[in-house]
Amino acid sequence: MKSILSVAVSLTLALCATAHGQPAASCVNKFVGTWIHHGIVGQTNTANLQPDGRALCSDNKNCVEGTWTCSGNVLNYDNGMYKTDYTLQADGTMTARDGIVVTRVGPAPKLSAPREPAGSNTTAACGGLLAQEKQDNGIKGGNVHERSYVVCQKFENKCGYPVSFAVKSNKVRIKLSATVQPGKMEKICATSETETLQYLGWKQTL
């Protein structure tokens, strides 16, 4: 019995991690923050899940370093010896094997998405594509044999969440922006051939 108890204690999930890659942007906000882990045979610890995949642990000498990732409402924990999946429930707690329950301490922190530097043609954070293209704007000056073209700034969102992107026009003082849903493409177009658009960047939206 003593040896069995010793094994059970050593298997207490510590949620302590060294980063090995960031959790998916589409679900990281669900899990980042401080949690109290109620584990096997009454063992508890305090875990602080970091956005970069680290999980800092305290209040238990049996903490074991590991990493975490996520997919949807499931957190995947791996400390190199064993893996455990935690499922986020409707009441905000996480549950796992053998009756493990994990409860959040305080509100979930708000994470800001990295802003892409101006002038870049790809979104480094999640692979969205940016491009400027010319669009036919109709007959030029009433001449049916000549066409007018305006520049458009296009943004294809390959992130797992809605984003907005912004441009600056040489014709108006206000910043122009558009919201793009995941998997969709939007564009902002100039209103005349003499109008130019400068890409300013993008950010995650609610």
N, C-alpha and C. Protein backbone atom coordinates (compact mmCIF):
# COMPACT_ATOMS: atom_id res chain seq x y z
N MET A 1 0.83 -1.20 0.00
CA MET A 1 0.00 0.00 0.00
C MET A 1 0.87 1.25 0.00
N LYS A 2 1.97 1.20 0.77
CA LYS A 2 2.85 2.35 0.84
C LYS A 2 3.45 2.66 -0.52
N SER A 3 3.88 1.59 -1.24
CA SER A 3 4.48 1.81 -2.55
C SER A 3 3.46 2.33 -3.55
N ILE A 4 2.22 1.84 -3.45
CA ILE A 4 1.16 2.31 -4.34
C ILE A 4 0.88 3.78 -4.10
N LEU A 5 0.83 4.18 -2.83
CA LEU A 5 0.59 5.57 -2.49
C LEU A 5 1.72 6.45 -3.00
N SER A 6 2.96 5.94 -2.89
CA SER A 6 4.11 6.71 -3.35
C SER A 6 4.04 6.96 -4.85
N VAL A 7 3.63 5.93 -5.60
CA VAL A 7 3.48 6.09 -7.05
C VAL A 7 2.39 7.09 -7.36
N ALA A 8 1.28 7.00 -6.63
CA ALA A 8 0.17 7.91 -6.88
C ALA A 8 0.57 9.35 -6.63
N VAL A 9 1.34 9.58 -5.55
CA VAL A 9 1.78 10.93 -5.25
C VAL A 9 2.71 11.44 -6.34
N SER A 10 3.61 10.58 -6.82
CA SER A 10 4.56 11.01 -7.84
C SER A 10 3.88 11.32 -9.16
N LEU A 11 2.68 10.76 -9.36
CA LEU A 11 1.96 11.01 -10.60
C LEU A 11 1.03 12.21 -10.51
N THR A 12 1.09 12.94 -9.38
CA THR A 12 0.27 14.14 -9.26
C THR A 12 0.63 15.12 -10.37
N LEU A 13 -0.37 15.58 -11.09
CA LEU A 13 -0.10 16.52 -12.17
C LEU A 13 0.39 17.83 -11.60
N ALA A 14 1.55 18.25 -12.03
CA ALA A 14 2.12 19.48 -11.51
C ALA A 14 1.88 20.66 -12.43
N LEU A 15 1.64 20.41 -13.69
CA LEU A 15 1.47 21.49 -14.65
C LEU A 15 2.63 22.47 -14.60
N CYS A 16 3.85 21.94 -14.51
CA CYS A 16 5.05 22.77 -14.56
C CYS A 16 5.69 22.54 -15.91
N ALA A 17 6.07 23.60 -16.62
CA ALA A 17 6.50 23.36 -17.99
C ALA A 17 7.68 24.19 -18.41
N THR A 18 8.44 23.63 -19.33
CA THR A 18 9.44 24.36 -20.09
C THR A 18 8.91 24.47 -21.50
N ALA A 19 8.98 25.64 -22.10
CA ALA A 19 8.32 25.86 -23.38
C ALA A 19 8.89 25.00 -24.48
N HIS A 20 8.01 24.38 -25.26
CA HIS A 20 8.40 23.61 -26.43
C HIS A 20 7.48 23.97 -27.59
N GLY A 21 7.05 25.21 -27.68
CA GLY A 21 6.13 25.63 -28.72
C GLY A 21 4.87 26.20 -28.11
N GLN A 22 4.33 27.22 -28.74
CA GLN A 22 3.18 27.89 -28.18
C GLN A 22 1.89 27.13 -28.45
N PRO A 23 0.96 27.16 -27.50
CA PRO A 23 -0.37 26.59 -27.74
C PRO A 23 -1.07 27.34 -28.87
N ALA A 24 -2.05 26.68 -29.48
CA ALA A 24 -2.76 27.27 -30.62
C ALA A 24 -3.45 28.57 -30.22
N ALA A 25 -3.36 29.57 -31.10
CA ALA A 25 -3.96 30.87 -30.81
C ALA A 25 -5.47 30.79 -30.65
N SER A 26 -6.09 29.79 -31.29
CA SER A 26 -7.55 29.67 -31.26
C SER A 26 -8.08 29.23 -29.90
N CYS A 27 -7.21 28.68 -29.03
CA CYS A 27 -7.71 28.18 -27.74
C CYS A 27 -6.86 28.61 -26.55
N VAL A 28 -5.74 29.27 -26.78
CA VAL A 28 -4.83 29.60 -25.68
C VAL A 28 -5.51 30.44 -24.61
N ASN A 29 -6.39 31.37 -25.01
CA ASN A 29 -7.05 32.25 -24.04
C ASN A 29 -7.94 31.50 -23.06
N LYS A 30 -8.40 30.30 -23.45
CA LYS A 30 -9.27 29.53 -22.57
C LYS A 30 -8.53 28.97 -21.36
N PHE A 31 -7.21 28.82 -21.49
CA PHE A 31 -6.47 28.10 -20.46
C PHE A 31 -5.39 28.92 -19.76
N VAL A 32 -4.90 29.98 -20.38
CA VAL A 32 -3.85 30.78 -19.76
C VAL A 32 -4.33 31.37 -18.44
N GLY A 33 -3.47 31.36 -17.43
CA GLY A 33 -3.82 31.93 -16.13
C GLY A 33 -3.47 31.00 -14.99
N THR A 34 -3.98 31.31 -13.81
CA THR A 34 -3.69 30.56 -12.58
C THR A 34 -4.81 29.59 -12.25
N TRP A 35 -4.44 28.35 -11.91
CA TRP A 35 -5.40 27.30 -11.62
C TRP A 35 -5.00 26.55 -10.35
N ILE A 36 -5.98 26.03 -9.63
CA ILE A 36 -5.74 25.13 -8.51
C ILE A 36 -6.07 23.72 -8.97
N HIS A 37 -5.08 22.83 -8.86
CA HIS A 37 -5.23 21.46 -9.34
C HIS A 37 -5.52 20.53 -8.17
N HIS A 38 -6.70 19.90 -8.18
CA HIS A 38 -7.09 18.93 -7.16
C HIS A 38 -6.89 17.54 -7.77
N GLY A 39 -5.79 16.90 -7.40
CA GLY A 39 -5.38 15.70 -8.09
C GLY A 39 -5.66 14.41 -7.36
N ILE A 40 -4.85 13.40 -7.69
CA ILE A 40 -5.01 12.05 -7.16
C ILE A 40 -4.68 12.03 -5.67
N VAL A 41 -5.40 11.20 -4.91
CA VAL A 41 -5.26 11.02 -3.46
C VAL A 41 -5.16 12.34 -2.71
N GLY A 42 -5.94 13.33 -3.14
CA GLY A 42 -6.03 14.58 -2.41
C GLY A 42 -4.89 15.56 -2.62
N GLN A 43 -3.95 15.25 -3.50
CA GLN A 43 -2.83 16.15 -3.76
C GLN A 43 -3.31 17.40 -4.50
N THR A 44 -2.79 18.56 -4.12
CA THR A 44 -3.14 19.81 -4.80
C THR A 44 -1.88 20.59 -5.13
N ASN A 45 -1.98 21.47 -6.11
CA ASN A 45 -0.91 22.42 -6.40
C ASN A 45 -1.50 23.61 -7.13
N THR A 46 -0.73 24.67 -7.20
CA THR A 46 -1.14 25.87 -7.94
C THR A 46 -0.35 25.92 -9.24
N ALA A 47 -1.06 26.05 -10.34
CA ALA A 47 -0.41 26.08 -11.66
C ALA A 47 -0.66 27.42 -12.32
N ASN A 48 0.36 27.92 -13.00
CA ASN A 48 0.22 29.16 -13.77
C ASN A 48 0.58 28.84 -15.21
N LEU A 49 -0.44 28.73 -16.07
CA LEU A 49 -0.24 28.37 -17.47
C LEU A 49 0.15 29.61 -18.27
N GLN A 50 1.29 29.54 -18.93
CA GLN A 50 1.83 30.66 -19.69
C GLN A 50 1.45 30.55 -21.17
N PRO A 51 1.32 31.68 -21.88
CA PRO A 51 0.95 31.64 -23.30
C PRO A 51 1.96 30.92 -24.18
N ASP A 52 3.23 30.84 -23.73
CA ASP A 52 4.26 30.21 -24.56
C ASP A 52 4.36 28.71 -24.35
N GLY A 53 3.44 28.11 -23.57
CA GLY A 53 3.45 26.68 -23.37
C GLY A 53 4.08 26.23 -22.07
N ARG A 54 4.63 27.16 -21.29
CA ARG A 54 5.16 26.81 -19.98
C ARG A 54 4.04 26.77 -18.96
N ALA A 55 4.20 25.92 -17.95
CA ALA A 55 3.24 25.86 -16.85
C ALA A 55 4.02 25.92 -15.55
N LEU A 56 3.97 27.05 -14.88
CA LEU A 56 4.71 27.24 -13.64
C LEU A 56 3.92 26.66 -12.49
N CYS A 57 4.63 26.03 -11.55
CA CYS A 57 3.97 25.28 -10.49
C CYS A 57 4.47 25.69 -9.12
N SER A 58 3.59 25.68 -8.14
CA SER A 58 3.97 25.99 -6.76
C SER A 58 3.06 25.24 -5.80
N ASP A 59 3.40 25.31 -4.51
CA ASP A 59 2.58 24.74 -3.44
C ASP A 59 2.55 23.21 -3.43
N ASN A 60 3.52 22.56 -4.08
CA ASN A 60 3.61 21.10 -4.01
C ASN A 60 5.03 20.69 -4.39
N LYS A 61 5.71 19.98 -3.49
CA LYS A 61 7.10 19.59 -3.73
C LYS A 61 7.22 18.52 -4.81
N ASN A 62 6.10 17.90 -5.22
CA ASN A 62 6.13 16.85 -6.24
C ASN A 62 5.93 17.39 -7.65
N CYS A 63 6.05 18.70 -7.83
CA CYS A 63 5.87 19.28 -9.17
C CYS A 63 6.84 18.65 -10.17
N VAL A 64 6.34 18.34 -11.34
CA VAL A 64 7.15 17.76 -12.42
C VAL A 64 7.05 18.68 -13.63
N GLU A 65 8.19 19.03 -14.22
CA GLU A 65 8.16 19.91 -15.38
C GLU A 65 7.53 19.22 -16.58
N GLY A 66 6.82 19.99 -17.39
CA GLY A 66 6.19 19.47 -18.59
C GLY A 66 5.83 20.59 -19.53
N THR A 67 4.99 20.31 -20.49
CA THR A 67 4.52 21.31 -21.45
C THR A 67 3.02 21.15 -21.65
N TRP A 68 2.39 22.19 -22.20
CA TRP A 68 0.96 22.09 -22.49
C TRP A 68 0.65 22.71 -23.85
N THR A 69 -0.31 22.11 -24.51
CA THR A 69 -0.88 22.64 -25.74
C THR A 69 -2.40 22.52 -25.62
N CYS A 70 -3.11 22.94 -26.63
CA CYS A 70 -4.56 22.83 -26.56
C CYS A 70 -5.17 22.68 -27.94
N SER A 71 -6.37 22.13 -27.95
CA SER A 71 -7.15 21.99 -29.18
C SER A 71 -8.62 22.07 -28.79
N GLY A 72 -9.28 23.14 -29.22
CA GLY A 72 -10.67 23.33 -28.82
C GLY A 72 -10.78 23.52 -27.32
N ASN A 73 -11.57 22.67 -26.66
CA ASN A 73 -11.75 22.75 -25.21
C ASN A 73 -10.91 21.73 -24.45
N VAL A 74 -9.90 21.19 -25.10
CA VAL A 74 -9.06 20.17 -24.47
C VAL A 74 -7.62 20.68 -24.33
N LEU A 75 -7.10 20.60 -23.11
CA LEU A 75 -5.71 20.93 -22.82
C LEU A 75 -4.92 19.63 -22.76
N ASN A 76 -3.81 19.57 -23.48
CA ASN A 76 -2.96 18.38 -23.52
C ASN A 76 -1.69 18.64 -22.73
N TYR A 77 -1.47 17.86 -21.68
CA TYR A 77 -0.31 18.03 -20.80
C TYR A 77 0.65 16.87 -20.99
N ASP A 78 1.95 17.16 -21.03
CA ASP A 78 2.97 16.13 -21.22
C ASP A 78 4.20 16.51 -20.41
N ASN A 79 4.60 15.66 -19.47
CA ASN A 79 5.80 15.95 -18.68
C ASN A 79 6.96 15.02 -19.04
N GLY A 80 6.82 14.29 -20.15
CA GLY A 80 7.88 13.39 -20.59
C GLY A 80 7.73 11.97 -20.07
N MET A 81 6.94 11.79 -19.01
CA MET A 81 6.70 10.46 -18.45
C MET A 81 5.30 9.96 -18.79
N TYR A 82 4.34 10.87 -18.78
CA TYR A 82 2.96 10.51 -19.09
C TYR A 82 2.24 11.73 -19.63
N LYS A 83 1.15 11.49 -20.31
CA LYS A 83 0.34 12.56 -20.88
C LYS A 83 -1.05 12.53 -20.26
N THR A 84 -1.64 13.70 -20.08
CA THR A 84 -2.99 13.80 -19.54
C THR A 84 -3.77 14.84 -20.33
N ASP A 85 -4.99 14.51 -20.68
CA ASP A 85 -5.88 15.45 -21.36
C ASP A 85 -6.88 16.01 -20.36
N TYR A 86 -7.03 17.33 -20.37
CA TYR A 86 -7.97 18.03 -19.50
C TYR A 86 -9.06 18.66 -20.36
N THR A 87 -10.30 18.46 -19.98
CA THR A 87 -11.42 19.00 -20.75
C THR A 87 -12.07 20.16 -20.01
N LEU A 88 -12.19 21.29 -20.69
CA LEU A 88 -12.83 22.47 -20.11
C LEU A 88 -14.34 22.28 -20.10
N GLN A 89 -14.94 22.41 -18.93
CA GLN A 89 -16.37 22.20 -18.77
C GLN A 89 -17.15 23.52 -18.86
N ALA A 90 -18.46 23.41 -18.97
CA ALA A 90 -19.32 24.60 -19.11
C ALA A 90 -19.24 25.52 -17.90
N ASP A 91 -18.94 24.96 -16.72
CA ASP A 91 -18.86 25.78 -15.51
C ASP A 91 -17.50 26.43 -15.32
N GLY A 92 -16.58 26.23 -16.29
CA GLY A 92 -15.27 26.87 -16.22
C GLY A 92 -14.18 26.04 -15.58
N THR A 93 -14.52 24.88 -15.04
CA THR A 93 -13.50 24.00 -14.47
C THR A 93 -12.95 23.08 -15.55
N MET A 94 -11.81 22.45 -15.24
CA MET A 94 -11.26 21.40 -16.10
C MET A 94 -11.33 20.08 -15.35
N THR A 95 -11.61 19.01 -16.08
CA THR A 95 -11.64 17.68 -15.48
C THR A 95 -10.74 16.74 -16.27
N ALA A 96 -10.24 15.71 -15.56
CA ALA A 96 -9.36 14.73 -16.21
C ALA A 96 -9.55 13.38 -15.53
N ARG A 97 -8.68 12.45 -15.85
CA ARG A 97 -8.77 11.07 -15.37
C ARG A 97 -8.79 11.00 -13.84
N ASP A 98 -9.34 9.92 -13.34
CA ASP A 98 -9.32 9.60 -11.90
C ASP A 98 -9.90 10.70 -11.03
N GLY A 99 -10.88 11.44 -11.55
CA GLY A 99 -11.57 12.44 -10.74
C GLY A 99 -10.82 13.74 -10.54
N ILE A 100 -9.80 14.01 -11.35
CA ILE A 100 -9.05 15.27 -11.23
C ILE A 100 -9.95 16.44 -11.61
N VAL A 101 -9.92 17.49 -10.80
CA VAL A 101 -10.67 18.72 -11.07
C VAL A 101 -9.72 19.90 -10.92
N VAL A 102 -9.76 20.82 -11.88
CA VAL A 102 -8.89 21.99 -11.86
C VAL A 102 -9.77 23.23 -11.94
N THR A 103 -9.59 24.15 -11.00
CA THR A 103 -10.43 25.36 -10.96
C THR A 103 -9.58 26.60 -11.16
N ARG A 104 -10.12 27.55 -11.90
CA ARG A 104 -9.38 28.79 -12.18
C ARG A 104 -9.40 29.72 -10.98
N VAL A 105 -8.30 30.44 -10.78
CA VAL A 105 -8.19 31.45 -9.74
C VAL A 105 -8.29 32.82 -10.41
N GLY A 106 -9.37 33.55 -10.14
CA GLY A 106 -9.55 34.87 -10.73
C GLY A 106 -9.94 34.79 -12.19
N PRO A 107 -10.11 35.95 -12.85
CA PRO A 107 -10.51 35.97 -14.26
C PRO A 107 -9.37 35.58 -15.17
N ALA A 108 -9.72 35.12 -16.36
CA ALA A 108 -8.70 34.79 -17.36
C ALA A 108 -8.04 36.08 -17.83
N PRO A 109 -6.71 36.10 -17.95
CA PRO A 109 -6.04 37.31 -18.43
C PRO A 109 -6.35 37.58 -19.89
N LYS A 110 -6.37 38.85 -20.27
CA LYS A 110 -6.61 39.22 -21.65
C LYS A 110 -5.28 39.27 -22.38
N LEU A 111 -5.19 38.54 -23.48
CA LEU A 111 -3.96 38.50 -24.26
C LEU A 111 -4.12 39.36 -25.50
N SER A 112 -3.11 40.12 -25.81
CA SER A 112 -3.13 40.93 -27.03
C SER A 112 -2.37 40.21 -28.12
N ALA A 113 -2.96 40.18 -29.31
CA ALA A 113 -2.29 39.54 -30.43
C ALA A 113 -1.14 40.41 -30.91
N PRO A 114 -0.03 39.81 -31.34
CA PRO A 114 1.08 40.60 -31.84
C PRO A 114 0.69 41.36 -33.10
N ARG A 115 1.13 42.61 -33.20
CA ARG A 115 0.84 43.42 -34.38
C ARG A 115 1.95 43.25 -35.39
N GLU A 116 1.56 43.08 -36.60
CA GLU A 116 2.53 42.88 -37.67
C GLU A 116 3.17 44.20 -38.06
N PRO A 117 4.46 44.24 -38.28
CA PRO A 117 5.11 45.49 -38.67
C PRO A 117 4.63 45.98 -40.02
N ALA A 118 4.55 47.30 -40.18
CA ALA A 118 4.11 47.89 -41.44
C ALA A 118 5.05 47.49 -42.57
N GLY A 119 4.47 47.23 -43.73
CA GLY A 119 5.27 46.91 -44.89
C GLY A 119 5.49 45.43 -45.10
N SER A 120 5.12 44.60 -44.13
CA SER A 120 5.31 43.16 -44.28
C SER A 120 4.23 42.58 -45.19
N ASN A 121 4.54 41.49 -45.87
CA ASN A 121 3.58 40.87 -46.77
C ASN A 121 2.99 39.58 -46.24
N THR A 122 3.37 39.16 -45.04
CA THR A 122 2.78 37.98 -44.43
C THR A 122 2.54 38.23 -42.96
N THR A 123 1.54 37.59 -42.38
CA THR A 123 1.30 37.71 -40.95
C THR A 123 2.05 36.59 -40.26
N ALA A 124 3.11 36.94 -39.58
CA ALA A 124 3.99 35.94 -38.98
C ALA A 124 3.27 35.11 -37.92
N ALA A 125 2.26 35.69 -37.26
CA ALA A 125 1.62 35.00 -36.15
C ALA A 125 0.79 33.80 -36.60
N CYS A 126 0.14 33.90 -37.74
CA CYS A 126 -0.77 32.80 -38.09
C CYS A 126 -0.91 32.57 -39.59
N GLY A 127 -0.06 33.15 -40.39
CA GLY A 127 -0.02 32.78 -41.79
C GLY A 127 -1.02 33.46 -42.70
N GLY A 128 -1.65 34.54 -42.25
CA GLY A 128 -2.52 35.28 -43.15
C GLY A 128 -1.72 35.90 -44.28
N LEU A 129 -2.36 36.18 -45.40
CA LEU A 129 -1.66 36.71 -46.56
C LEU A 129 -2.11 38.14 -46.85
N LEU A 130 -1.15 38.98 -47.21
CA LEU A 130 -1.43 40.36 -47.56
C LEU A 130 -0.95 40.62 -48.97
N ALA A 131 -1.69 41.43 -49.71
CA ALA A 131 -1.25 41.79 -51.06
C ALA A 131 -1.97 43.05 -51.49
N GLN A 132 -1.30 43.85 -52.30
CA GLN A 132 -1.95 44.98 -52.95
C GLN A 132 -2.18 44.63 -54.40
N GLU A 133 -3.34 45.00 -54.92
CA GLU A 133 -3.67 44.69 -56.30
C GLU A 133 -4.47 45.83 -56.91
N LYS A 134 -4.47 45.90 -58.22
CA LYS A 134 -5.24 46.91 -58.93
C LYS A 134 -6.62 46.36 -59.26
N GLN A 135 -7.63 47.19 -59.11
CA GLN A 135 -9.01 46.79 -59.40
C GLN A 135 -9.62 47.74 -60.42
N ASP A 136 -10.33 47.15 -61.37
CA ASP A 136 -11.00 47.94 -62.40
C ASP A 136 -12.06 48.82 -61.76
N ASN A 137 -11.97 50.12 -62.00
CA ASN A 137 -12.90 51.07 -61.39
C ASN A 137 -13.85 51.68 -62.42
N GLY A 138 -13.92 51.06 -63.60
CA GLY A 138 -14.86 51.52 -64.61
C GLY A 138 -14.23 52.40 -65.68
N ILE A 139 -15.08 53.00 -66.48
CA ILE A 139 -14.63 53.85 -67.59
C ILE A 139 -13.92 55.09 -67.05
N LYS A 140 -12.82 55.45 -67.70
CA LYS A 140 -12.03 56.60 -67.26
C LYS A 140 -12.41 57.85 -68.04
N GLY A 141 -12.89 58.85 -67.32
CA GLY A 141 -13.19 60.15 -67.92
C GLY A 141 -14.20 60.10 -69.05
N GLY A 142 -15.14 59.15 -69.01
CA GLY A 142 -16.16 59.06 -70.04
C GLY A 142 -15.68 58.42 -71.33
N ASN A 143 -14.43 57.98 -71.36
CA ASN A 143 -13.87 57.36 -72.57
C ASN A 143 -14.06 55.85 -72.48
N VAL A 144 -14.92 55.30 -73.33
CA VAL A 144 -15.25 53.87 -73.27
C VAL A 144 -14.05 52.99 -73.63
N HIS A 145 -13.04 53.58 -74.23
CA HIS A 145 -11.86 52.82 -74.64
C HIS A 145 -10.74 52.85 -73.59
N GLU A 146 -10.99 53.52 -72.49
CA GLU A 146 -9.96 53.62 -71.45
C GLU A 146 -10.56 53.29 -70.09
N ARG A 147 -9.85 52.48 -69.32
CA ARG A 147 -10.34 52.04 -68.03
C ARG A 147 -9.59 52.74 -66.89
N SER A 148 -10.29 52.89 -65.79
CA SER A 148 -9.70 53.47 -64.58
C SER A 148 -9.42 52.34 -63.58
N TYR A 149 -8.26 52.38 -62.94
CA TYR A 149 -7.89 51.34 -61.98
C TYR A 149 -7.49 51.97 -60.65
N VAL A 150 -7.92 51.34 -59.56
CA VAL A 150 -7.56 51.81 -58.22
C VAL A 150 -6.84 50.69 -57.47
N VAL A 151 -6.05 51.06 -56.48
CA VAL A 151 -5.32 50.08 -55.69
C VAL A 151 -6.19 49.57 -54.55
N CYS A 152 -6.09 48.27 -54.26
CA CYS A 152 -6.82 47.66 -53.14
C CYS A 152 -5.83 46.91 -52.24
N GLN A 153 -6.01 47.05 -50.94
CA GLN A 153 -5.21 46.28 -49.97
C GLN A 153 -6.03 45.07 -49.55
N LYS A 154 -5.51 43.88 -49.82
CA LYS A 154 -6.24 42.63 -49.54
C LYS A 154 -5.64 41.94 -48.33
N PHE A 155 -6.51 41.32 -47.52
CA PHE A 155 -6.06 40.56 -46.35
C PHE A 155 -6.83 39.25 -46.30
N GLU A 156 -6.13 38.13 -46.40
CA GLU A 156 -6.73 36.81 -46.26
C GLU A 156 -6.40 36.27 -44.88
N ASN A 157 -7.42 36.04 -44.06
CA ASN A 157 -7.22 35.65 -42.66
C ASN A 157 -7.08 34.14 -42.51
N LYS A 158 -5.88 33.68 -42.20
CA LYS A 158 -5.64 32.27 -41.94
C LYS A 158 -5.44 32.01 -40.45
N CYS A 159 -5.77 33.00 -39.63
CA CYS A 159 -5.74 32.82 -38.18
C CYS A 159 -6.99 32.05 -37.74
N GLY A 160 -6.97 31.57 -36.53
CA GLY A 160 -8.14 30.86 -36.01
C GLY A 160 -9.09 31.76 -35.26
N TYR A 161 -9.01 33.06 -35.50
CA TYR A 161 -9.85 34.02 -34.79
C TYR A 161 -10.03 35.26 -35.67
N PRO A 162 -11.06 36.08 -35.41
CA PRO A 162 -11.27 37.29 -36.21
C PRO A 162 -10.13 38.29 -36.01
N VAL A 163 -9.76 38.99 -37.06
CA VAL A 163 -8.75 40.04 -36.97
C VAL A 163 -9.25 41.27 -37.72
N SER A 164 -8.63 42.39 -37.44
CA SER A 164 -8.88 43.59 -38.23
C SER A 164 -7.55 44.11 -38.75
N PHE A 165 -7.55 44.67 -39.95
CA PHE A 165 -6.33 45.26 -40.48
C PHE A 165 -6.62 46.70 -40.86
N ALA A 166 -5.57 47.51 -40.91
CA ALA A 166 -5.76 48.94 -41.13
C ALA A 166 -4.81 49.45 -42.21
N VAL A 167 -5.26 50.49 -42.91
CA VAL A 167 -4.44 51.15 -43.92
C VAL A 167 -4.56 52.66 -43.74
N LYS A 168 -3.58 53.36 -44.28
CA LYS A 168 -3.57 54.82 -44.27
C LYS A 168 -3.65 55.32 -45.70
N SER A 169 -4.56 56.25 -45.94
CA SER A 169 -4.75 56.81 -47.27
C SER A 169 -4.07 58.17 -47.36
N ASN A 170 -3.60 58.51 -48.56
CA ASN A 170 -3.02 59.84 -48.76
C ASN A 170 -4.09 60.90 -49.01
N LYS A 171 -5.36 60.47 -49.02
CA LYS A 171 -6.45 61.40 -49.32
C LYS A 171 -7.27 61.77 -48.09
N VAL A 172 -7.31 60.90 -47.08
CA VAL A 172 -8.10 61.18 -45.88
C VAL A 172 -7.21 61.04 -44.65
N ARG A 173 -7.55 61.76 -43.60
CA ARG A 173 -6.73 61.75 -42.39
C ARG A 173 -7.03 60.56 -41.48
N ILE A 174 -8.24 60.03 -41.55
CA ILE A 174 -8.61 58.95 -40.65
C ILE A 174 -8.05 57.62 -41.15
N LYS A 175 -7.80 56.73 -40.23
CA LYS A 175 -7.32 55.38 -40.55
C LYS A 175 -8.48 54.54 -41.06
N LEU A 176 -8.27 53.78 -42.12
CA LEU A 176 -9.29 52.90 -42.67
C LEU A 176 -9.03 51.48 -42.20
N SER A 177 -10.07 50.78 -41.77
CA SER A 177 -9.87 49.42 -41.26
C SER A 177 -11.03 48.52 -41.68
N ALA A 178 -10.77 47.21 -41.62
CA ALA A 178 -11.80 46.22 -41.96
C ALA A 178 -11.59 44.99 -41.08
N THR A 179 -12.68 44.35 -40.69
CA THR A 179 -12.63 43.11 -39.91
C THR A 179 -12.73 41.91 -40.84
N VAL A 180 -11.90 40.90 -40.56
CA VAL A 180 -11.85 39.71 -41.40
C VAL A 180 -12.08 38.48 -40.53
N GLN A 181 -13.09 37.68 -40.87
CA GLN A 181 -13.38 36.47 -40.12
C GLN A 181 -12.40 35.36 -40.51
N PRO A 182 -12.20 34.35 -39.64
CA PRO A 182 -11.27 33.26 -39.96
C PRO A 182 -11.62 32.58 -41.28
N GLY A 183 -10.61 32.37 -42.11
CA GLY A 183 -10.81 31.70 -43.38
C GLY A 183 -11.41 32.57 -44.48
N LYS A 184 -11.60 33.86 -44.19
CA LYS A 184 -12.20 34.77 -45.17
C LYS A 184 -11.17 35.78 -45.67
N MET A 185 -11.57 36.53 -46.71
CA MET A 185 -10.72 37.56 -47.27
C MET A 185 -11.52 38.85 -47.40
N GLU A 186 -10.91 39.96 -47.04
CA GLU A 186 -11.53 41.27 -47.21
C GLU A 186 -10.50 42.20 -47.85
N LYS A 187 -10.98 43.29 -48.42
CA LYS A 187 -10.06 44.27 -48.99
C LYS A 187 -10.59 45.68 -48.81
N ILE A 188 -9.67 46.62 -48.75
CA ILE A 188 -9.99 48.04 -48.70
C ILE A 188 -9.44 48.66 -49.97
N CYS A 189 -10.31 49.35 -50.71
CA CYS A 189 -9.91 49.89 -52.01
C CYS A 189 -9.90 51.42 -51.99
N ALA A 190 -8.99 51.98 -52.76
CA ALA A 190 -8.95 53.43 -52.95
C ALA A 190 -10.16 53.86 -53.77
N THR A 191 -10.44 55.14 -53.76
CA THR A 191 -11.60 55.66 -54.49
C THR A 191 -11.22 56.35 -55.80
N SER A 192 -9.92 56.54 -56.01
CA SER A 192 -9.47 57.17 -57.26
C SER A 192 -8.07 56.67 -57.60
N GLU A 193 -7.65 56.91 -58.83
CA GLU A 193 -6.34 56.45 -59.28
C GLU A 193 -5.20 57.15 -58.55
N THR A 194 -5.45 58.33 -58.04
CA THR A 194 -4.39 59.09 -57.37
C THR A 194 -4.29 58.78 -55.88
N GLU A 195 -5.23 57.96 -55.38
CA GLU A 195 -5.19 57.62 -53.96
C GLU A 195 -4.29 56.41 -53.74
N THR A 196 -3.42 56.49 -52.73
CA THR A 196 -2.55 55.38 -52.37
C THR A 196 -2.91 54.87 -50.98
N LEU A 197 -2.61 53.61 -50.72
CA LEU A 197 -2.90 52.99 -49.42
C LEU A 197 -1.62 52.42 -48.83
N GLN A 198 -1.37 52.74 -47.57
CA GLN A 198 -0.22 52.20 -46.85
C GLN A 198 -0.71 51.25 -45.76
N TYR A 199 -0.25 50.01 -45.80
CA TYR A 199 -0.66 49.02 -44.80
C TYR A 199 -0.03 49.37 -43.45
N LEU A 200 -0.85 49.36 -42.38
CA LEU A 200 -0.39 49.74 -41.04
C LEU A 200 -0.19 48.55 -40.11
N GLY A 201 -0.95 47.47 -40.30
CA GLY A 201 -0.83 46.32 -39.41
C GLY A 201 -2.17 45.68 -39.13
N TRP A 202 -2.16 44.65 -38.27
CA TRP A 202 -3.38 43.93 -37.94
C TRP A 202 -3.38 43.61 -36.46
N LYS A 203 -4.57 43.26 -35.93
CA LYS A 203 -4.69 42.85 -34.54
C LYS A 203 -5.89 41.93 -34.39
N GLN A 204 -5.88 41.15 -33.33
CA GLN A 204 -7.01 40.26 -33.04
C GLN A 204 -8.20 41.09 -32.56
N THR A 205 -9.40 40.70 -32.98
CA THR A 205 -10.61 41.38 -32.53
C THR A 205 -11.49 40.40 -31.79
N LEU A 206 -12.47 40.90 -31.07
CA LEU A 206 -13.38 40.05 -30.30
C LEU A 206 -14.39 39.39 -31.23
